[in-house]
N, C-alpha and C. Protein backbone atom coordinates (compact mmCIF):
# COMPACT_ATOMS: atom_id res chain seq x y z
N UNK A 1 98.33 90.74 46.33
CA UNK A 1 98.55 90.35 47.72
C UNK A 1 99.27 91.49 48.43
N UNK A 2 98.77 91.89 49.57
CA UNK A 2 99.28 93.07 50.27
C UNK A 2 100.32 92.74 51.33
N UNK A 3 100.81 91.51 51.37
CA UNK A 3 101.81 91.14 52.37
C UNK A 3 103.18 91.60 51.87
N UNK A 4 103.92 92.28 52.73
CA UNK A 4 105.25 92.73 52.37
C UNK A 4 106.25 91.64 52.70
N UNK A 5 106.89 91.10 51.68
CA UNK A 5 107.81 89.99 51.87
C UNK A 5 109.08 90.40 52.61
N UNK A 6 109.40 91.70 52.65
CA UNK A 6 110.60 92.14 53.36
C UNK A 6 110.55 91.76 54.84
N UNK A 7 109.38 91.64 55.40
CA UNK A 7 109.26 91.25 56.80
C UNK A 7 109.77 89.84 57.03
N UNK A 8 109.80 89.03 55.99
CA UNK A 8 110.18 87.63 56.12
C UNK A 8 111.55 87.30 55.54
N UNK A 9 112.22 88.28 54.95
CA UNK A 9 113.55 88.05 54.37
C UNK A 9 114.56 87.81 55.47
N UNK A 10 115.46 86.88 55.23
CA UNK A 10 116.46 86.53 56.24
C UNK A 10 117.86 86.60 55.65
N UNK A 11 118.84 86.61 56.54
CA UNK A 11 120.23 86.57 56.15
C UNK A 11 120.99 85.74 57.17
N UNK A 12 122.12 85.22 56.77
CA UNK A 12 122.97 84.44 57.68
C UNK A 12 124.02 85.36 58.28
N UNK A 13 124.27 85.19 59.59
CA UNK A 13 125.31 85.96 60.26
C UNK A 13 126.19 85.03 61.09
N UNK A 14 127.39 85.49 61.36
CA UNK A 14 128.34 84.73 62.15
C UNK A 14 127.87 84.68 63.61
N UNK A 15 127.87 83.51 64.23
CA UNK A 15 127.44 83.41 65.63
C UNK A 15 128.49 83.93 66.60
N UNK A 16 129.70 84.13 66.13
CA UNK A 16 130.79 84.57 67.01
C UNK A 16 130.91 86.09 67.04
N UNK A 17 130.81 86.75 65.87
CA UNK A 17 131.01 88.20 65.84
C UNK A 17 129.83 88.98 65.27
N UNK A 18 128.87 88.30 64.67
CA UNK A 18 127.69 88.97 64.11
C UNK A 18 127.88 89.51 62.70
N UNK A 19 128.98 89.20 62.06
CA UNK A 19 129.28 89.72 60.73
C UNK A 19 128.39 89.09 59.66
N UNK A 20 128.13 89.88 58.63
CA UNK A 20 127.41 89.37 57.46
C UNK A 20 128.36 88.71 56.47
N UNK A 21 129.65 88.84 56.68
CA UNK A 21 130.66 88.30 55.76
C UNK A 21 130.92 86.83 56.06
N UNK A 22 129.89 86.02 55.97
CA UNK A 22 129.97 84.59 56.25
C UNK A 22 129.78 83.86 54.91
N UNK A 23 130.72 83.00 54.58
CA UNK A 23 130.70 82.32 53.29
C UNK A 23 130.66 80.81 53.46
N UNK A 24 129.95 80.17 52.55
CA UNK A 24 129.90 78.71 52.47
C UNK A 24 131.22 78.26 51.86
N UNK A 25 131.95 77.35 52.56
CA UNK A 25 133.24 76.90 52.04
C UNK A 25 133.27 75.43 51.68
N UNK A 26 132.39 74.63 52.24
CA UNK A 26 132.38 73.20 51.94
C UNK A 26 131.03 72.62 52.32
N UNK A 27 130.77 71.45 51.81
CA UNK A 27 129.54 70.75 52.15
C UNK A 27 129.82 69.26 52.19
N UNK A 28 128.99 68.56 52.86
CA UNK A 28 129.19 67.13 52.95
C UNK A 28 128.03 66.47 53.64
N UNK A 29 128.27 65.32 54.21
CA UNK A 29 127.22 64.58 54.89
C UNK A 29 126.65 65.37 56.06
N UNK A 30 127.51 66.06 56.79
CA UNK A 30 127.06 66.83 57.96
C UNK A 30 126.41 68.14 57.58
N UNK A 31 126.49 68.53 56.33
CA UNK A 31 125.89 69.79 55.90
C UNK A 31 126.95 70.80 55.53
N UNK A 32 126.52 72.04 55.27
CA UNK A 32 127.47 73.07 54.84
C UNK A 32 128.40 73.51 55.97
N UNK A 33 129.59 73.91 55.58
CA UNK A 33 130.56 74.48 56.52
C UNK A 33 130.78 75.93 56.10
N UNK A 34 130.73 76.83 57.06
CA UNK A 34 130.85 78.26 56.79
C UNK A 34 132.12 78.83 57.40
N UNK A 35 132.61 79.92 56.80
CA UNK A 35 133.76 80.63 57.34
C UNK A 35 133.44 82.11 57.37
N UNK A 36 133.73 82.76 58.50
CA UNK A 36 133.54 84.19 58.65
C UNK A 36 134.81 84.91 58.23
N UNK A 37 134.68 85.89 57.36
CA UNK A 37 135.83 86.65 56.88
C UNK A 37 136.31 87.67 57.90
N UNK A 38 135.50 87.99 58.90
CA UNK A 38 135.86 88.97 59.93
C UNK A 38 136.68 88.35 61.06
N UNK A 39 136.17 87.26 61.63
CA UNK A 39 136.81 86.69 62.83
C UNK A 39 137.41 85.30 62.59
N UNK A 40 137.32 84.78 61.36
CA UNK A 40 137.84 83.47 60.97
C UNK A 40 137.13 82.30 61.64
N UNK A 41 135.91 82.51 62.12
CA UNK A 41 135.10 81.40 62.63
C UNK A 41 134.87 80.40 61.50
N UNK A 42 135.01 79.12 61.79
CA UNK A 42 134.70 78.06 60.84
C UNK A 42 133.80 77.06 61.56
N UNK A 43 132.66 76.75 60.96
CA UNK A 43 131.77 75.79 61.57
C UNK A 43 130.50 75.59 60.78
N UNK A 44 129.68 74.67 61.23
CA UNK A 44 128.43 74.36 60.55
C UNK A 44 127.28 75.21 61.09
N UNK A 45 127.48 75.83 62.23
CA UNK A 45 126.42 76.61 62.88
C UNK A 45 126.54 78.08 62.50
N UNK A 46 125.49 78.63 61.90
CA UNK A 46 125.38 80.06 61.65
C UNK A 46 123.97 80.48 62.07
N UNK A 47 123.80 81.76 62.32
CA UNK A 47 122.49 82.28 62.68
C UNK A 47 121.79 82.79 61.43
N UNK A 48 120.53 82.49 61.29
CA UNK A 48 119.73 83.03 60.21
C UNK A 48 118.67 83.91 60.85
N UNK A 49 118.76 85.20 60.61
CA UNK A 49 117.88 86.16 61.27
C UNK A 49 117.10 86.97 60.24
N UNK A 50 115.96 87.47 60.67
CA UNK A 50 115.18 88.35 59.81
C UNK A 50 115.93 89.67 59.67
N UNK A 51 115.87 90.25 58.48
CA UNK A 51 116.58 91.50 58.23
C UNK A 51 116.14 92.60 59.18
N UNK A 52 114.85 92.61 59.55
CA UNK A 52 114.36 93.66 60.45
C UNK A 52 114.95 93.51 61.86
N UNK A 53 115.44 92.33 62.23
CA UNK A 53 116.01 92.09 63.55
C UNK A 53 117.54 92.04 63.54
N UNK A 54 118.15 92.30 62.41
CA UNK A 54 119.59 92.15 62.25
C UNK A 54 120.40 92.97 63.24
N UNK A 55 120.12 94.26 63.35
CA UNK A 55 120.89 95.13 64.25
C UNK A 55 120.78 94.68 65.70
N UNK A 56 119.60 94.23 66.10
CA UNK A 56 119.39 93.76 67.47
C UNK A 56 120.27 92.54 67.77
N UNK A 57 120.32 91.59 66.84
CA UNK A 57 121.13 90.39 67.04
C UNK A 57 122.62 90.73 67.06
N UNK A 58 123.05 91.60 66.15
CA UNK A 58 124.46 91.98 66.11
C UNK A 58 124.87 92.67 67.41
N UNK A 59 124.02 93.53 67.93
CA UNK A 59 124.31 94.23 69.19
C UNK A 59 124.42 93.23 70.35
N UNK A 60 123.51 92.28 70.42
CA UNK A 60 123.53 91.28 71.49
C UNK A 60 124.80 90.42 71.42
N UNK A 61 125.21 90.06 70.21
CA UNK A 61 126.43 89.24 70.05
C UNK A 61 127.65 90.04 70.51
N UNK A 62 127.74 91.29 70.08
CA UNK A 62 128.90 92.11 70.45
C UNK A 62 128.94 92.37 71.95
N UNK A 63 127.80 92.61 72.58
CA UNK A 63 127.77 92.84 74.02
C UNK A 63 128.10 91.57 74.79
N UNK A 64 127.74 90.43 74.25
CA UNK A 64 128.04 89.16 74.91
C UNK A 64 129.51 88.78 74.87
N UNK A 65 130.26 89.37 73.94
CA UNK A 65 131.68 89.05 73.81
C UNK A 65 132.54 89.83 74.79
N UNK A 66 131.98 90.83 75.46
CA UNK A 66 132.74 91.67 76.39
C UNK A 66 133.02 90.97 77.69
């Protein structure tokens, strides 16, 4: 199969600062809870982006915080 799977690989990033240092800290009925090691964001909402679009998303998040 000639499809490159890297085009479809994703990663989770912090919705507040765009960091990749987002860790799962708890789970429950509402779903997983994540904590960002960079900005201390805690919440159930994280962004899952394609690796090829990662820099674009991080740039947009950082520019939006200004």
